[in-house]
């Protein structure tokens, strides 16, 4: 009996097994032919990133607003000693939230800038920058 690797190799014509030129799919096409598609794909990719970051900002802002409402509710019904502790915890959460929103906003601004560059200039020189985020 033959093992699987022998069977699959034997089932293919010799030219395919050895990677013959008649099966080579590398077609010479001038670079400019696919540039439009590449630009369109890059634009769509950056737009998706923008939507994702925008949604993350909204989520973070909602969490921050809920935190403020919770703080006001707790502070209203607490004594002076509890209020100080509640305020400290709130300020820490609020600071973290503000930092997250600022980072997301910075990233959103970068994506808007990239989108504008792609729309104006076509392909970016370094398209790896877009997909690494």
C-alpha atoms as a PDB file:
ATOM      1  CA  UNK A   1       0.000   0.000   0.000  1.00  0.00           C
ATOM      2  CA  UNK A   2       1.072   3.565  -0.702  1.00  0.00           C
ATOM      3  CA  UNK A   3       0.952   6.326   1.823  1.00  0.00           C
ATOM      4  CA  UNK A   4      -1.025   9.518   1.117  1.00  0.00           C
ATOM      5  CA  UNK A   5       1.930  11.592  -0.070  1.00  0.00           C
ATOM      6  CA  UNK A   6       2.828   9.043  -2.732  1.00  0.00           C
ATOM      7  CA  UNK A   7      -0.769   8.813  -3.908  1.00  0.00           C
ATOM      8  CA  UNK A   8      -1.236  12.564  -4.303  1.00  0.00           C
ATOM      9  CA  UNK A   9       2.077  12.922  -6.143  1.00  0.00           C
ATOM     10  CA  UNK A  10       1.330  10.047  -8.473  1.00  0.00           C
ATOM     11  CA  UNK A  11      -2.116  11.397  -9.280  1.00  0.00           C
ATOM     12  CA  UNK A  12      -0.670  14.641 -10.704  1.00  0.00           C
ATOM     13  CA  UNK A  13       0.808  14.924 -14.184  1.00  0.00           C
ATOM     14  CA  UNK A  14       4.616  15.083 -14.187  1.00  0.00           C
ATOM     15  CA  UNK A  15       4.737  18.736 -15.329  1.00  0.00           C
ATOM     16  CA  UNK A  16       2.645  19.825 -12.351  1.00  0.00           C
ATOM     17  CA  UNK A  17       4.626  17.748  -9.839  1.00  0.00           C
ATOM     18  CA  UNK A  18       7.885  19.352 -10.915  1.00  0.00           C
ATOM     19  CA  UNK A  19       6.378  22.841 -11.248  1.00  0.00           C
ATOM     20  CA  UNK A  20       6.616  22.971 -15.028  1.00  0.00           C
ATOM     21  CA  UNK A  21       6.378  26.235 -16.887  1.00  0.00           C
ATOM     22  CA  UNK A  22       3.028  25.292 -18.378  1.00  0.00           C
ATOM     23  CA  UNK A  23       1.489  25.597 -14.892  1.00  0.00           C
ATOM     24  CA  UNK A  24       3.240  28.853 -13.944  1.00  0.00           C
ATOM     25  CA  UNK A  25       0.618  31.413 -12.930  1.00  0.00           C
ATOM     26  CA  UNK A  26       2.999  34.392 -12.770  1.00  0.00           C
ATOM     27  CA  UNK A  27       1.592  36.559 -15.538  1.00  0.00           C
ATOM     28  CA  UNK A  28       3.518  39.642 -16.590  1.00  0.00           C
ATOM     29  CA  UNK A  29       1.107  42.569 -16.243  1.00  0.00           C
ATOM     30  CA  UNK A  30       2.220  46.196 -16.252  1.00  0.00           C
ATOM     31  CA  UNK A  31       2.236  47.684 -12.729  1.00  0.00           C
ATOM     32  CA  UNK A  32      -0.305  50.417 -13.567  1.00  0.00           C
ATOM     33  CA  UNK A  33      -3.064  47.946 -14.404  1.00  0.00           C
ATOM     34  CA  UNK A  34      -3.857  47.021 -10.804  1.00  0.00           C
ATOM     35  CA  UNK A  35      -3.016  50.392  -9.195  1.00  0.00           C
ATOM     36  CA  UNK A  36      -6.645  51.522  -9.314  1.00  0.00           C
ATOM     37  CA  UNK A  37      -7.768  48.351  -7.518  1.00  0.00           C
ATOM     38  CA  UNK A  38      -4.967  48.711  -4.969  1.00  0.00           C
ATOM     39  CA  UNK A  39      -5.945  52.318  -4.289  1.00  0.00           C
ATOM     40  CA  UNK A  40      -9.593  51.350  -3.927  1.00  0.00           C
ATOM     41  CA  UNK A  41      -8.714  48.505  -1.527  1.00  0.00           C
ATOM     42  CA  UNK A  42      -6.464  50.814   0.503  1.00  0.00           C
ATOM     43  CA  UNK A  43      -9.227  53.416   0.721  1.00  0.00           C
ATOM     44  CA  UNK A  44     -11.723  50.775   1.869  1.00  0.00           C
ATOM     45  CA  UNK A  45      -9.229  49.409   4.399  1.00  0.00           C
ATOM     46  CA  UNK A  46      -8.581  52.839   5.921  1.00  0.00           C
ATOM     47  CA  UNK A  47     -12.313  53.609   5.964  1.00  0.00           C
ATOM     48  CA  UNK A  48     -12.905  50.387   7.918  1.00  0.00           C
ATOM     49  CA  UNK A  49     -10.189  51.402  10.384  1.00  0.00           C
ATOM     50  CA  UNK A  50     -11.843  54.819  10.771  1.00  0.00           C
ATOM     51  CA  UNK A  51     -15.216  53.219  11.482  1.00  0.00           C
ATOM     52  CA  UNK A  52     -13.667  50.856  14.029  1.00  0.00           C
ATOM     53  CA  UNK A  53     -11.821  53.643  15.874  1.00  0.00           C
ATOM     54  CA  UNK A  54     -14.905  55.885  15.799  1.00  0.00           C
ATOM     55  CA  UNK A  55     -16.937  53.094  17.390  1.00  0.00           C
ATOM     56  CA  UNK A  56     -14.251  52.570  20.044  1.00  0.00           C
ATOM     57  CA  UNK A  57     -14.323  56.286  20.861  1.00  0.00           C
ATOM     58  CA  UNK A  58     -18.118  56.194  21.239  1.00  0.00           C
ATOM     59  CA  UNK A  59     -17.875  53.185  23.549  1.00  0.00           C
ATOM     60  CA  UNK A  60     -15.206  54.874  25.673  1.00  0.00           C
ATOM     61  CA  UNK A  61     -17.223  58.115  25.850  1.00  0.00           C
ATOM     62  CA  UNK A  62     -20.329  56.192  26.923  1.00  0.00           C
ATOM     63  CA  UNK A  63     -18.342  54.423  29.639  1.00  0.00           C
ATOM     64  CA  UNK A  64     -16.975  57.784  30.806  1.00  0.00           C
ATOM     65  CA  UNK A  65     -20.468  59.314  30.915  1.00  0.00           C
ATOM     66  CA  UNK A  66     -21.766  56.336  32.910  1.00  0.00           C
ATOM     67  CA  UNK A  67     -18.838  56.750  35.297  1.00  0.00           C
ATOM     68  CA  UNK A  68     -19.708  60.425  35.832  1.00  0.00           C
ATOM     69  CA  UNK A  69     -23.357  59.555  36.495  1.00  0.00           C
ATOM     70  CA  UNK A  70     -22.317  56.848  38.968  1.00  0.00           C
ATOM     71  CA  UNK A  71     -19.955  59.243  40.740  1.00  0.00           C
ATOM     72  CA  UNK A  72     -22.656  61.902  41.103  1.00  0.00           C
ATOM     73  CA  UNK A  73     -25.126  59.342  42.434  1.00  0.00           C
ATOM     74  CA  UNK A  74     -22.650  57.888  44.949  1.00  0.00           C
ATOM     75  CA  UNK A  75     -21.288  61.258  46.045  1.00  0.00           C
ATOM     76  CA  UNK A  76     -24.794  62.553  46.667  1.00  0.00           C
ATOM     77  CA  UNK A  77     -25.580  59.819  49.169  1.00  0.00           C
ATOM     78  CA  UNK A  78     -22.183  59.469  50.893  1.00  0.00           C
ATOM     79  CA  UNK A  79     -20.665  61.066  53.965  1.00  0.00           C
ATOM     80  CA  UNK A  80     -17.597  63.359  53.766  1.00  0.00           C
ATOM     81  CA  UNK A  81     -15.068  60.579  54.310  1.00  0.00           C
ATOM     82  CA  UNK A  82     -16.661  58.377  51.640  1.00  0.00           C
ATOM     83  CA  UNK A  83     -16.930  61.290  49.207  1.00  0.00           C
ATOM     84  CA  UNK A  84     -13.160  61.821  49.282  1.00  0.00           C
ATOM     85  CA  UNK A  85     -12.526  58.169  48.495  1.00  0.00           C
ATOM     86  CA  UNK A  86     -15.234  58.076  45.806  1.00  0.00           C
ATOM     87  CA  UNK A  87     -13.827  61.238  44.236  1.00  0.00           C
ATOM     88  CA  UNK A  88     -10.312  59.752  44.170  1.00  0.00           C
ATOM     89  CA  UNK A  89     -11.527  56.562  42.447  1.00  0.00           C
ATOM     90  CA  UNK A  90     -13.636  58.593  40.017  1.00  0.00           C
ATOM     91  CA  UNK A  91     -10.750  60.902  39.088  1.00  0.00           C
ATOM     92  CA  UNK A  92      -8.503  57.918  38.450  1.00  0.00           C
ATOM     93  CA  UNK A  93     -11.106  56.278  36.178  1.00  0.00           C
ATOM     94  CA  UNK A  94     -11.849  59.574  34.461  1.00  0.00           C
ATOM     95  CA  UNK A  95      -8.167  60.239  33.809  1.00  0.00           C
ATOM     96  CA  UNK A  96      -7.698  56.764  32.317  1.00  0.00           C
ATOM     97  CA  UNK A  97     -10.763  57.228  30.141  1.00  0.00           C
ATOM     98  CA  UNK A  98      -9.629  60.660  28.944  1.00  0.00           C
ATOM     99  CA  UNK A  99      -6.224  59.198  28.052  1.00  0.00           C
ATOM    100  CA  UNK A 100      -7.837  56.357  26.079  1.00  0.00           C
ATOM    101  CA  UNK A 101     -10.088  58.754  24.204  1.00  0.00           C
ATOM    102  CA  UNK A 102      -7.130  61.023  23.391  1.00  0.00           C
ATOM    103  CA  UNK A 103      -5.103  58.052  22.061  1.00  0.00           C
ATOM    104  CA  UNK A 104      -8.030  56.858  19.949  1.00  0.00           C
ATOM    105  CA  UNK A 105      -8.626  60.387  18.643  1.00  0.00           C
ATOM    106  CA  UNK A 106      -4.955  60.665  17.687  1.00  0.00           C
ATOM    107  CA  UNK A 107      -5.172  57.373  15.799  1.00  0.00           C
ATOM    108  CA  UNK A 108      -8.410  58.518  14.119  1.00  0.00           C
ATOM    109  CA  UNK A 109      -6.720  61.732  12.982  1.00  0.00           C
ATOM    110  CA  UNK A 110      -3.830  59.696  11.518  1.00  0.00           C
ATOM    111  CA  UNK A 111      -6.272  57.515   9.576  1.00  0.00           C
ATOM    112  CA  UNK A 112      -8.099  60.557   8.233  1.00  0.00           C
ATOM    113  CA  UNK A 113      -4.747  61.962   7.109  1.00  0.00           C
ATOM    114  CA  UNK A 114      -3.835  58.649   5.403  1.00  0.00           C
ATOM    115  CA  UNK A 115      -7.211  58.507   3.695  1.00  0.00           C
ATOM    116  CA  UNK A 116      -6.790  62.034   2.374  1.00  0.00           C
ATOM    117  CA  UNK A 117      -3.279  61.190   1.100  1.00  0.00           C
ATOM    118  CA  UNK A 118      -4.496  58.060  -0.667  1.00  0.00           C
ATOM    119  CA  UNK A 119      -7.416  59.889  -2.251  1.00  0.00           C
ATOM    120  CA  UNK A 120      -5.144  62.698  -3.460  1.00  0.00           C
ATOM    121  CA  UNK A 121      -1.986  60.802  -4.406  1.00  0.00           C
ATOM    122  CA  UNK A 122      -3.105  57.248  -5.126  1.00  0.00           C
ATOM    123  CA  UNK A 123      -1.012  54.516  -3.576  1.00  0.00           C
ATOM    124  CA  UNK A 124       1.088  55.346  -0.565  1.00  0.00           C
ATOM    125  CA  UNK A 125       4.770  54.564  -0.834  1.00  0.00           C
ATOM    126  CA  UNK A 126       4.645  52.375   2.251  1.00  0.00           C
ATOM    127  CA  UNK A 127       1.305  50.550   2.342  1.00  0.00           C
ATOM    128  CA  UNK A 128       2.535  48.417   5.256  1.00  0.00           C
ATOM    129  CA  UNK A 129       1.853  51.382   7.545  1.00  0.00           C
ATOM    130  CA  UNK A 130      -1.889  50.998   6.968  1.00  0.00           C
ATOM    131  CA  UNK A 131      -2.207  47.342   7.829  1.00  0.00           C
ATOM    132  CA  UNK A 132       0.069  47.239  10.888  1.00  0.00           C
ATOM    133  CA  UNK A 133      -2.448  48.931  13.212  1.00  0.00           C
END
